[in-house]
Each structure stands twice: as C-alpha cells, then as structure tokens.
C-alpha cells in the first residue's frame, strides 16, 4: 500500500529552507496573481513559526499581518520588506530579458 503524505505539511517543512522559500515566492510572483503570492507569503510565514512569530521578527502587528496576507490583502512595500526580512529573505529585482 502506498504511503500518502499531507501536501500542506510537506510544503511547510520544505519552506523552512530559505532557498526553497525564495524559489517558491519567486514562482508565485511569476504567476502574476496577487492572491497566489499572498498565499505563498502565508505559507512561508507558517514555515517560519507562524504569523505571531513572524510579526514579532518583522516588527509588525500580528492582526495587521493577518489582514495584509488575507485574500484581499494589499501589502505596502515597507510591510513586504519587513515581512521578508522577518523570514530571512529579501526582494531582488532582475531584468525580464537580457539586454542586447
């Protein structure tokens, strides 16, 4: 009989690795879907101890962080920077295509 695992549990475990978390968030950004990116941020936050722990590390209000990362959230750039810093990541901009 095949052993099945809980996808969410495995995902959260994988996202504890900063390189995995960065790749996951980059993939979500590439999709261009705000809700997918916010879900990815919630998953990374969960992998880093949960919303309360991340809010503390990022110097953010826990309730505000929940609202920011909700399906209808719209994080300000400073909140995004603080959140990423709180989970040990940073934002990096790269060109869409190589210059000629």
PDB file of N, CA and C in Angstrom:
ATOM      1  N   UNK A   1       0.841  -1.174   0.000  1.00  0.00           N
ATOM      2  CA  UNK A   1       0.000   0.000   0.000  1.00  0.00           C
ATOM      3  C   UNK A   1       0.893   1.247   0.000  1.00  0.00           C
ATOM      4  N   UNK A   2       0.562   2.198  -0.834  1.00  0.00           N
ATOM      5  CA  UNK A   2       1.355   3.421  -0.957  1.00  0.00           C
ATOM      6  C   UNK A   2       1.148   4.317   0.260  1.00  0.00           C
ATOM      7  N   UNK A   3       2.227   4.904   0.688  1.00  0.00           N
ATOM      8  CA  UNK A   3       2.167   5.835   1.815  1.00  0.00           C
ATOM      9  C   UNK A   3       1.821   7.222   1.281  1.00  0.00           C
ATOM     10  N   UNK A   4       0.779   7.835   1.790  1.00  0.00           N
ATOM     11  CA  UNK A   4       0.413   9.180   1.354  1.00  0.00           C
ATOM     12  C   UNK A   4       0.816  10.185   2.421  1.00  0.00           C
ATOM     13  N   UNK A   5       1.132  11.378   1.974  1.00  0.00           N
ATOM     14  CA  UNK A   5       1.506  12.436   2.908  1.00  0.00           C
ATOM     15  C   UNK A   5       0.595  13.627   2.700  1.00  0.00           C
ATOM     16  N   UNK A   6       0.563  14.461   3.676  1.00  0.00           N
ATOM     17  CA  UNK A   6      -0.224  15.675   3.615  1.00  0.00           C
ATOM     18  C   UNK A   6       0.591  16.729   2.872  1.00  0.00           C
ATOM     19  N   UNK A   7       0.096  17.184   1.731  1.00  0.00           N
ATOM     20  CA  UNK A   7       0.825  18.145   0.905  1.00  0.00           C
ATOM     21  C   UNK A   7       1.192  19.402   1.687  1.00  0.00           C
ATOM     22  N   UNK A   8       0.245  19.975   2.405  1.00  0.00           N
ATOM     23  CA  UNK A   8       0.498  21.217   3.137  1.00  0.00           C
ATOM     24  C   UNK A   8       1.603  21.021   4.174  1.00  0.00           C
ATOM     25  N   UNK A   9       1.567  19.917   4.879  1.00  0.00           N
ATOM     26  CA  UNK A   9       2.603  19.635   5.886  1.00  0.00           C
ATOM     27  C   UNK A   9       3.974  19.524   5.228  1.00  0.00           C
ATOM     28  N   UNK A  10       4.050  18.811   4.108  1.00  0.00           N
ATOM     29  CA  UNK A  10       5.315  18.667   3.387  1.00  0.00           C
ATOM     30  C   UNK A  10       5.791  20.008   2.833  1.00  0.00           C
ATOM     31  N   UNK A  11       4.864  20.799   2.326  1.00  0.00           N
ATOM     32  CA  UNK A  11       5.213  22.118   1.795  1.00  0.00           C
ATOM     33  C   UNK A  11       5.802  23.000   2.886  1.00  0.00           C
ATOM     34  N   UNK A  12       5.146  23.056   4.022  1.00  0.00           N
ATOM     35  CA  UNK A  12       5.619  23.886   5.138  1.00  0.00           C
ATOM     36  C   UNK A  12       7.002  23.427   5.585  1.00  0.00           C
ATOM     37  N   UNK A  13       7.206  22.140   5.636  1.00  0.00           N
ATOM     38  CA  UNK A  13       8.524  21.610   6.016  1.00  0.00           C
ATOM     39  C   UNK A  13       9.585  22.052   5.003  1.00  0.00           C
ATOM     40  N   UNK A  14       9.278  21.951   3.711  1.00  0.00           N
ATOM     41  CA  UNK A  14      10.229  22.348   2.667  1.00  0.00           C
ATOM     42  C   UNK A  14      10.535  23.844   2.728  1.00  0.00           C
ATOM     43  N   UNK A  15       9.517  24.638   3.068  1.00  0.00           N
ATOM     44  CA  UNK A  15       9.685  26.103   3.086  1.00  0.00           C
ATOM     45  C   UNK A  15      10.507  26.599   4.272  1.00  0.00           C
ATOM     46  N   UNK A  16      10.891  25.698   5.152  1.00  0.00           N
ATOM     47  CA  UNK A  16      11.791  26.084   6.246  1.00  0.00           C
ATOM     48  C   UNK A  16      13.193  26.371   5.707  1.00  0.00           C
ATOM     49  N   UNK A  17      13.502  25.835   4.540  1.00  0.00           N
ATOM     50  CA  UNK A  17      14.772  26.090   3.865  1.00  0.00           C
ATOM     51  C   UNK A  17      14.651  27.427   3.123  1.00  0.00           C
ATOM     52  N   UNK A  18      15.482  28.417   3.461  1.00  0.00           N
ATOM     53  CA  UNK A  18      15.373  29.733   2.810  1.00  0.00           C
ATOM     54  C   UNK A  18      15.462  29.678   1.285  1.00  0.00           C
ATOM     55  N   UNK A  19      16.280  28.791   0.732  1.00  0.00           N
ATOM     56  CA  UNK A  19      16.389  28.686  -0.724  1.00  0.00           C
ATOM     57  C   UNK A  19      15.077  28.181  -1.325  1.00  0.00           C
ATOM     58  N   UNK A  20      14.444  27.219  -0.666  1.00  0.00           N
ATOM     59  CA  UNK A  20      13.150  26.705  -1.126  1.00  0.00           C
ATOM     60  C   UNK A  20      12.072  27.787  -1.027  1.00  0.00           C
ATOM     61  N   UNK A  21      12.088  28.521   0.085  1.00  0.00           N
ATOM     62  CA  UNK A  21      11.106  29.596   0.280  1.00  0.00           C
ATOM     63  C   UNK A  21      11.269  30.665  -0.789  1.00  0.00           C
ATOM     64  N   UNK A  22      12.513  31.029  -1.091  1.00  0.00           N
ATOM     65  CA  UNK A  22      12.766  32.053  -2.114  1.00  0.00           C
ATOM     66  C   UNK A  22      12.277  31.577  -3.480  1.00  0.00           C
ATOM     67  N   UNK A  23      12.570  30.337  -3.837  1.00  0.00           N
ATOM     68  CA  UNK A  23      12.130  29.794  -5.125  1.00  0.00           C
ATOM     69  C   UNK A  23      10.604  29.742  -5.202  1.00  0.00           C
ATOM     70  N   UNK A  24       9.981  29.359  -4.108  1.00  0.00           N
ATOM     71  CA  UNK A  24       8.512  29.277  -4.040  1.00  0.00           C
ATOM     72  C   UNK A  24       7.882  30.656  -4.221  1.00  0.00           C
ATOM     73  N   UNK A  25       8.414  31.655  -3.522  1.00  0.00           N
ATOM     74  CA  UNK A  25       7.875  33.011  -3.660  1.00  0.00           C
ATOM     75  C   UNK A  25       8.125  33.569  -5.058  1.00  0.00           C
ATOM     76  N   UNK A  26       9.294  33.301  -5.618  1.00  0.00           N
ATOM     77  CA  UNK A  26       9.579  33.756  -6.984  1.00  0.00           C
ATOM     78  C   UNK A  26       8.621  33.123  -7.989  1.00  0.00           C
ATOM     79  N   UNK A  27       8.334  31.842  -7.823  1.00  0.00           N
ATOM     80  CA  UNK A  27       7.383  31.165  -8.712  1.00  0.00           C
ATOM     81  C   UNK A  27       6.006  31.793  -8.591  1.00  0.00           C
ATOM     82  N   UNK A  28       5.610  32.120  -7.373  1.00  0.00           N
ATOM     83  CA  UNK A  28       4.306  32.759  -7.165  1.00  0.00           C
ATOM     84  C   UNK A  28       4.276  34.145  -7.807  1.00  0.00           C
ATOM     85  N   UNK A  29       5.369  34.875  -7.706  1.00  0.00           N
ATOM     86  CA  UNK A  29       5.446  36.199  -8.344  1.00  0.00           C
ATOM     87  C   UNK A  29       5.344  36.087  -9.856  1.00  0.00           C
ATOM     88  N   UNK A  30       6.007  35.095 -10.423  1.00  0.00           N
ATOM     89  CA  UNK A  30       5.991  34.910 -11.869  1.00  0.00           C
ATOM     90  C   UNK A  30       4.597  34.623 -12.396  1.00  0.00           C
ATOM     91  N   UNK A  31       3.747  34.027 -11.565  1.00  0.00           N
ATOM     92  CA  UNK A  31       2.369  33.757 -11.971  1.00  0.00           C
ATOM     93  C   UNK A  31       1.592  35.059 -12.199  1.00  0.00           C
ATOM     94  N   UNK A  32       2.010  36.114 -11.515  1.00  0.00           N
ATOM     95  CA  UNK A  32       1.336  37.399 -11.679  1.00  0.00           C
ATOM     96  C   UNK A  32      -0.014  37.483 -10.994  1.00  0.00           C
ATOM     97  N   UNK A  33      -0.288  36.572 -10.102  1.00  0.00           N
ATOM     98  CA  UNK A  33      -1.567  36.517  -9.391  1.00  0.00           C
ATOM     99  C   UNK A  33      -1.349  36.966  -7.951  1.00  0.00           C
ATOM    100  N   UNK A  34      -1.918  38.103  -7.586  1.00  0.00           N
ATOM    101  CA  UNK A  34      -1.739  38.661  -6.243  1.00  0.00           C
ATOM    102  C   UNK A  34      -2.169  37.684  -5.165  1.00  0.00           C
ATOM    103  N   UNK A  35      -3.315  37.049  -5.330  1.00  0.00           N
ATOM    104  CA  UNK A  35      -3.807  36.101  -4.321  1.00  0.00           C
ATOM    105  C   UNK A  35      -2.857  34.921  -4.148  1.00  0.00           C
ATOM    106  N   UNK A  36      -2.294  34.427  -5.253  1.00  0.00           N
ATOM    107  CA  UNK A  36      -1.344  33.315  -5.166  1.00  0.00           C
ATOM    108  C   UNK A  36      -0.088  33.748  -4.419  1.00  0.00           C
ATOM    109  N   UNK A  37       0.369  34.972  -4.653  1.00  0.00           N
ATOM    110  CA  UNK A  37       1.558  35.466  -3.961  1.00  0.00           C
ATOM    111  C   UNK A  37       1.285  35.635  -2.469  1.00  0.00           C
ATOM    112  N   UNK A  38       0.119  36.153  -2.124  1.00  0.00           N
ATOM    113  CA  UNK A  38      -0.228  36.315  -0.708  1.00  0.00           C
ATOM    114  C   UNK A  38      -0.337  34.961  -0.013  1.00  0.00           C
ATOM    115  N   UNK A  39      -0.894  33.962  -0.701  1.00  0.00           N
ATOM    116  CA  UNK A  39      -0.954  32.606  -0.146  1.00  0.00           C
ATOM    117  C   UNK A  39       0.457  32.069   0.066  1.00  0.00           C
ATOM    118  N   UNK A  40       1.323  32.299  -0.901  1.00  0.00           N
ATOM    119  CA  UNK A  40       2.713  31.850  -0.768  1.00  0.00           C
ATOM    120  C   UNK A  40       3.376  32.518   0.435  1.00  0.00           C
ATOM    121  N   UNK A  41       3.140  33.807   0.621  1.00  0.00           N
ATOM    122  CA  UNK A  41       3.687  34.507   1.788  1.00  0.00           C
ATOM    123  C   UNK A  41       3.144  33.923   3.087  1.00  0.00           C
ATOM    124  N   UNK A  42       1.852  33.586   3.118  1.00  0.00           N
ATOM    125  CA  UNK A  42       1.274  32.965   4.322  1.00  0.00           C
ATOM    126  C   UNK A  42       1.947  31.628   4.611  1.00  0.00           C
ATOM    127  N   UNK A  43       2.174  30.836   3.575  1.00  0.00           N
ATOM    128  CA  UNK A  43       2.828  29.543   3.761  1.00  0.00           C
ATOM    129  C   UNK A  43       4.255  29.711   4.269  1.00  0.00           C
ATOM    130  N   UNK A  44       4.978  30.673   3.731  1.00  0.00           N
ATOM    131  CA  UNK A  44       6.349  30.925   4.197  1.00  0.00           C
ATOM    132  C   UNK A  44       6.316  31.401   5.644  1.00  0.00           C
ATOM    133  N   UNK A  45       5.358  32.243   5.990  1.00  0.00           N
ATOM    134  CA  UNK A  45       5.235  32.695   7.378  1.00  0.00           C
ATOM    135  C   UNK A  45       4.960  31.508   8.300  1.00  0.00           C
ATOM    136  N   UNK A  46       4.076  30.616   7.882  1.00  0.00           N
ATOM    137  CA  UNK A  46       3.779  29.434   8.699  1.00  0.00           C
ATOM    138  C   UNK A  46       5.029  28.581   8.896  1.00  0.00           C
ATOM    139  N   UNK A  47       5.834  28.453   7.846  1.00  0.00           N
ATOM    140  CA  UNK A  47       7.063  27.661   7.930  1.00  0.00           C
ATOM    141  C   UNK A  47       8.092  28.293   8.852  1.00  0.00           C
ATOM    142  N   UNK A  48       7.949  29.585   9.105  1.00  0.00           N
ATOM    143  CA  UNK A  48       8.894  30.304   9.954  1.00  0.00           C
ATOM    144  C   UNK A  48       8.329  30.578  11.339  1.00  0.00           C
ATOM    145  N   UNK A  49       7.461  29.706  11.804  1.00  0.00           N
ATOM    146  CA  UNK A  49       6.969  29.807  13.167  1.00  0.00           C
ATOM    147  C   UNK A  49       5.566  30.339  13.302  1.00  0.00           C
ATOM    148  N   UNK A  50       4.928  30.688  12.206  1.00  0.00           N
ATOM    149  CA  UNK A  50       3.564  31.193  12.253  1.00  0.00           C
ATOM    150  C   UNK A  50       3.506  32.709  12.245  1.00  0.00           C
ATOM    151  N   UNK A  51       2.299  33.211  12.117  1.00  0.00           N
ATOM    152  CA  UNK A  51       2.087  34.654  11.984  1.00  0.00           C
ATOM    153  C   UNK A  51       2.594  35.435  13.184  1.00  0.00           C
ATOM    154  N   UNK A  52       2.343  34.937  14.385  1.00  0.00           N
ATOM    155  CA  UNK A  52       2.765  35.678  15.576  1.00  0.00           C
ATOM    156  C   UNK A  52       4.284  35.803  15.629  1.00  0.00           C
ATOM    157  N   UNK A  53       4.979  34.700  15.353  1.00  0.00           N
ATOM    158  CA  UNK A  53       6.451  34.717  15.390  1.00  0.00           C
ATOM    159  C   UNK A  53       7.013  35.623  14.312  1.00  0.00           C
ATOM    160  N   UNK A  54       6.464  35.545  13.113  1.00  0.00           N
ATOM    161  CA  UNK A  54       6.954  36.374  12.007  1.00  0.00           C
ATOM    162  C   UNK A  54       6.635  37.836  12.261  1.00  0.00           C
ATOM    163  N   UNK A  55       5.449  38.118  12.764  1.00  0.00           N
ATOM    164  CA  UNK A  55       5.093  39.509  13.075  1.00  0.00           C
ATOM    165  C   UNK A  55       6.076  40.091  14.077  1.00  0.00           C
ATOM    166  N   UNK A  56       6.445  39.300  15.063  1.00  0.00           N
ATOM    167  CA  UNK A  56       7.400  39.761  16.070  1.00  0.00           C
ATOM    168  C   UNK A  56       8.767  40.027  15.439  1.00  0.00           C
ATOM    169  N   UNK A  57       9.265  39.079  14.649  1.00  0.00           N
ATOM    170  CA  UNK A  57      10.566  39.240  13.990  1.00  0.00           C
ATOM    171  C   UNK A  57      10.571  40.420  13.024  1.00  0.00           C
ATOM    172  N   UNK A  58       9.431  40.665  12.368  1.00  0.00           N
ATOM    173  CA  UNK A  58       9.326  41.713  11.358  1.00  0.00           C
ATOM    174  C   UNK A  58       8.903  43.054  11.955  1.00  0.00           C
ATOM    175  N   UNK A  59       8.688  43.080  13.268  1.00  0.00           N
ATOM    176  CA  UNK A  59       8.233  44.298  13.956  1.00  0.00           C
ATOM    177  C   UNK A  59       6.913  44.809  13.369  1.00  0.00           C
ATOM    178  N   UNK A  60       5.982  43.857  13.177  1.00  0.00           N
ATOM    179  CA  UNK A  60       4.656  44.170  12.655  1.00  0.00           C
ATOM    180  C   UNK A  60       3.605  43.722  13.661  1.00  0.00           C
ATOM    181  N   UNK A  61       2.451  44.330  13.601  1.00  0.00           N
ATOM    182  CA  UNK A  61       1.316  43.938  14.417  1.00  0.00           C
ATOM    183  C   UNK A  61       0.738  42.642  13.854  1.00  0.00           C
ATOM    184  N   UNK A  62       0.520  41.642  14.703  1.00  0.00           N
ATOM    185  CA  UNK A  62       0.037  40.335  14.249  1.00  0.00           C
ATOM    186  C   UNK A  62      -1.286  40.439  13.497  1.00  0.00           C
ATOM    187  N   UNK A  63      -2.244  41.181  14.044  1.00  0.00           N
ATOM    188  CA  UNK A  63      -3.548  41.311  13.394  1.00  0.00           C
ATOM    189  C   UNK A  63      -3.412  42.000  12.034  1.00  0.00           C
ATOM    190  N   UNK A  64      -2.548  42.997  11.985  1.00  0.00           N
ATOM    191  CA  UNK A  64      -2.307  43.699  10.733  1.00  0.00           C
ATOM    192  C   UNK A  64      -1.672  42.761   9.703  1.00  0.00           C
ATOM    193  N   UNK A  65      -0.777  41.908  10.167  1.00  0.00           N
ATOM    194  CA  UNK A  65      -0.143  40.960   9.261  1.00  0.00           C
ATOM    195  C   UNK A  65      -1.171  39.975   8.712  1.00  0.00           C
ATOM    196  N   UNK A  66      -2.071  39.493   9.568  1.00  0.00           N
ATOM    197  CA  UNK A  66      -3.137  38.612   9.090  1.00  0.00           C
ATOM    198  C   UNK A  66      -3.957  39.300   8.001  1.00  0.00           C
ATOM    199  N   UNK A  67      -4.339  40.551   8.232  1.00  0.00           N
ATOM    200  CA  UNK A  67      -5.123  41.298   7.235  1.00  0.00           C
ATOM    201  C   UNK A  67      -4.325  41.498   5.952  1.00  0.00           C
ATOM    202  N   UNK A  68      -3.060  41.847   6.100  1.00  0.00           N
ATOM    203  CA  UNK A  68      -2.200  42.100   4.949  1.00  0.00           C
ATOM    204  C   UNK A  68      -2.086  40.871   4.063  1.00  0.00           C
ATOM    205  N   UNK A  69      -1.993  39.696   4.678  1.00  0.00           N
ATOM    206  CA  UNK A  69      -1.805  38.467   3.917  1.00  0.00           C
ATOM    207  C   UNK A  69      -3.106  37.729   3.627  1.00  0.00           C
ATOM    208  N   UNK A  70      -4.229  38.359   3.922  1.00  0.00           N
ATOM    209  CA  UNK A  70      -5.515  37.738   3.608  1.00  0.00           C
ATOM    210  C   UNK A  70      -5.727  37.762   2.090  1.00  0.00           C
ATOM    211  N   UNK A  71      -6.721  37.051   1.618  1.00  0.00           N
ATOM    212  CA  UNK A  71      -7.009  37.003   0.176  1.00  0.00           C
ATOM    213  C   UNK A  71      -7.225  38.389  -0.399  1.00  0.00           C
ATOM    214  N   UNK A  72      -7.716  39.307   0.406  1.00  0.00           N
ATOM    215  CA  UNK A  72      -7.978  40.670  -0.078  1.00  0.00           C
ATOM    216  C   UNK A  72      -6.895  41.646   0.352  1.00  0.00           C
ATOM    217  N   UNK A  73      -5.823  41.118   0.914  1.00  0.00           N
ATOM    218  CA  UNK A  73      -4.743  41.962   1.398  1.00  0.00           C
ATOM    219  C   UNK A  73      -4.053  42.720   0.275  1.00  0.00           C
ATOM    220  N   UNK A  74      -3.434  43.815   0.660  1.00  0.00           N
ATOM    221  CA  UNK A  74      -2.703  44.638  -0.295  1.00  0.00           C
ATOM    222  C   UNK A  74      -1.518  45.248   0.451  1.00  0.00           C
ATOM    223  N   UNK A  75      -0.458  44.452   0.637  1.00  0.00           N
ATOM    224  CA  UNK A  75       0.648  44.931   1.474  1.00  0.00           C
ATOM    225  C   UNK A  75       1.367  46.125   0.881  1.00  0.00           C
ATOM    226  N   UNK A  76       1.712  47.047   1.759  1.00  0.00           N
ATOM    227  CA  UNK A  76       2.551  48.165   1.355  1.00  0.00           C
ATOM    228  C   UNK A  76       3.962  47.634   1.176  1.00  0.00           C
ATOM    229  N   UNK A  77       4.776  48.326   0.401  1.00  0.00           N
ATOM    230  CA  UNK A  77       6.123  47.861   0.116  1.00  0.00           C
ATOM    231  C   UNK A  77       6.944  47.730   1.402  1.00  0.00           C
ATOM    232  N   UNK A  78       6.775  48.656   2.330  1.00  0.00           N
ATOM    233  CA  UNK A  78       7.534  48.580   3.588  1.00  0.00           C
ATOM    234  C   UNK A  78       7.135  47.342   4.381  1.00  0.00           C
ATOM    235  N   UNK A  79       5.841  47.030   4.402  1.00  0.00           N
ATOM    236  CA  UNK A  79       5.374  45.828   5.092  1.00  0.00           C
ATOM    237  C   UNK A  79       5.963  44.584   4.435  1.00  0.00           C
ATOM    238  N   UNK A  80       5.991  44.579   3.112  1.00  0.00           N
ATOM    239  CA  UNK A  80       6.562  43.449   2.391  1.00  0.00           C
ATOM    240  C   UNK A  80       8.047  43.298   2.720  1.00  0.00           C
ATOM    241  N   UNK A  81       8.793  44.390   2.720  1.00  0.00           N
ATOM    242  CA  UNK A  81      10.212  44.340   3.072  1.00  0.00           C
ATOM    243  C   UNK A  81      10.399  43.814   4.491  1.00  0.00           C
ATOM    244  N   UNK A  82       9.614  44.330   5.439  1.00  0.00           N
ATOM    245  CA  UNK A  82       9.721  43.889   6.835  1.00  0.00           C
ATOM    246  C   UNK A  82       9.382  42.409   6.975  1.00  0.00           C
ATOM    247  N   UNK A  83       8.333  41.987   6.299  1.00  0.00           N
ATOM    248  CA  UNK A  83       7.920  40.586   6.355  1.00  0.00           C
ATOM    249  C   UNK A  83       9.016  39.686   5.796  1.00  0.00           C
ATOM    250  N   UNK A  84       9.535  40.020   4.634  1.00  0.00           N
ATOM    251  CA  UNK A  84      10.597  39.210   4.043  1.00  0.00           C
ATOM    252  C   UNK A  84      11.829  39.184   4.941  1.00  0.00           C
ATOM    253  N   UNK A  85      12.183  40.322   5.498  1.00  0.00           N
ATOM    254  CA  UNK A  85      13.314  40.380   6.423  1.00  0.00           C
ATOM    255  C   UNK A  85      13.055  39.478   7.637  1.00  0.00           C
ATOM    256  N   UNK A  86      11.827  39.474   8.116  1.00  0.00           N
ATOM    257  CA  UNK A  86      11.469  38.664   9.280  1.00  0.00           C
ATOM    258  C   UNK A  86      11.604  37.170   9.048  1.00  0.00           C
ATOM    259  N   UNK A  87      11.531  36.741   7.790  1.00  0.00           N
ATOM    260  CA  UNK A  87      11.695  35.312   7.479  1.00  0.00           C
ATOM    261  C   UNK A  87      13.050  35.037   6.832  1.00  0.00           C
ATOM    262  N   UNK A  88      13.943  36.027   6.871  1.00  0.00           N
ATOM    263  CA  UNK A  88      15.298  35.829   6.367  1.00  0.00           C
ATOM    264  C   UNK A  88      15.451  35.919   4.866  1.00  0.00           C
ATOM    265  N   UNK A  89      14.552  36.651   4.210  1.00  0.00           N
ATOM    266  CA  UNK A  89      14.614  36.816   2.761  1.00  0.00           C
ATOM    267  C   UNK A  89      14.648  38.296   2.406  1.00  0.00           C
ATOM    268  N   UNK A  90      14.921  38.587   1.137  1.00  0.00           N
ATOM    269  CA  UNK A  90      14.864  39.970   0.667  1.00  0.00           C
ATOM    270  C   UNK A  90      14.382  39.980  -0.772  1.00  0.00           C
ATOM    271  N   UNK A  91      13.882  41.113  -1.188  1.00  0.00           N
ATOM    272  CA  UNK A  91      13.378  41.298  -2.538  1.00  0.00           C
ATOM    273  C   UNK A  91      14.539  41.614  -3.456  1.00  0.00           C
ATOM    274  N   UNK A  92      14.535  41.040  -4.653  1.00  0.00           N
ATOM    275  CA  UNK A  92      15.588  41.260  -5.631  1.00  0.00           C
ATOM    276  C   UNK A  92      14.939  41.473  -6.990  1.00  0.00           C
ATOM    277  N   UNK A  93      15.360  42.482  -7.688  1.00  0.00           N
ATOM    278  CA  UNK A  93      14.803  42.792  -8.998  1.00  0.00           C
ATOM    279  C   UNK A  93      15.786  42.347 -10.075  1.00  0.00           C
ATOM    280  N   UNK A  94      15.274  41.682 -11.101  1.00  0.00           N
ATOM    281  CA  UNK A  94      16.106  41.251 -12.222  1.00  0.00           C
ATOM    282  C   UNK A  94      15.425  41.646 -13.526  1.00  0.00           C
ATOM    283  N   UNK A  95      16.199  41.812 -14.604  1.00  0.00           N
ATOM    284  CA  UNK A  95      15.580  42.167 -15.876  1.00  0.00           C
ATOM    285  C   UNK A  95      14.747  41.002 -16.413  1.00  0.00           C
ATOM    286  N   UNK A  96      13.664  41.326 -17.097  1.00  0.00           N
ATOM    287  CA  UNK A  96      12.822  40.298 -17.688  1.00  0.00           C
ATOM    288  C   UNK A  96      13.560  39.559 -18.789  1.00  0.00           C
ATOM    289  N   UNK A  97      14.350  40.293 -19.533  1.00  0.00           N
ATOM    290  CA  UNK A  97      15.106  39.666 -20.631  1.00  0.00           C
ATOM    291  C   UNK A  97      16.495  40.286 -20.681  1.00  0.00           C
ATOM    292  N   UNK A  98      17.408  39.555 -21.238  1.00  0.00           N
ATOM    293  CA  UNK A  98      18.784  40.035 -21.337  1.00  0.00           C
ATOM    294  C   UNK A  98      18.859  41.201 -22.312  1.00  0.00           C
ATOM    295  N   UNK A  99      19.718  42.156 -22.013  1.00  0.00           N
ATOM    296  CA  UNK A  99      19.887  43.289 -22.923  1.00  0.00           C
ATOM    297  C   UNK A  99      20.728  42.865 -24.116  1.00  0.00           C
ATOM    298  N   UNK A 100      20.528  43.540 -25.195  1.00  0.00           N
ATOM    299  CA  UNK A 100      21.219  43.176 -26.447  1.00  0.00           C
ATOM    300  C   UNK A 100      22.667  43.560 -26.449  1.00  0.00           C
TER     301      UNK A 100
END
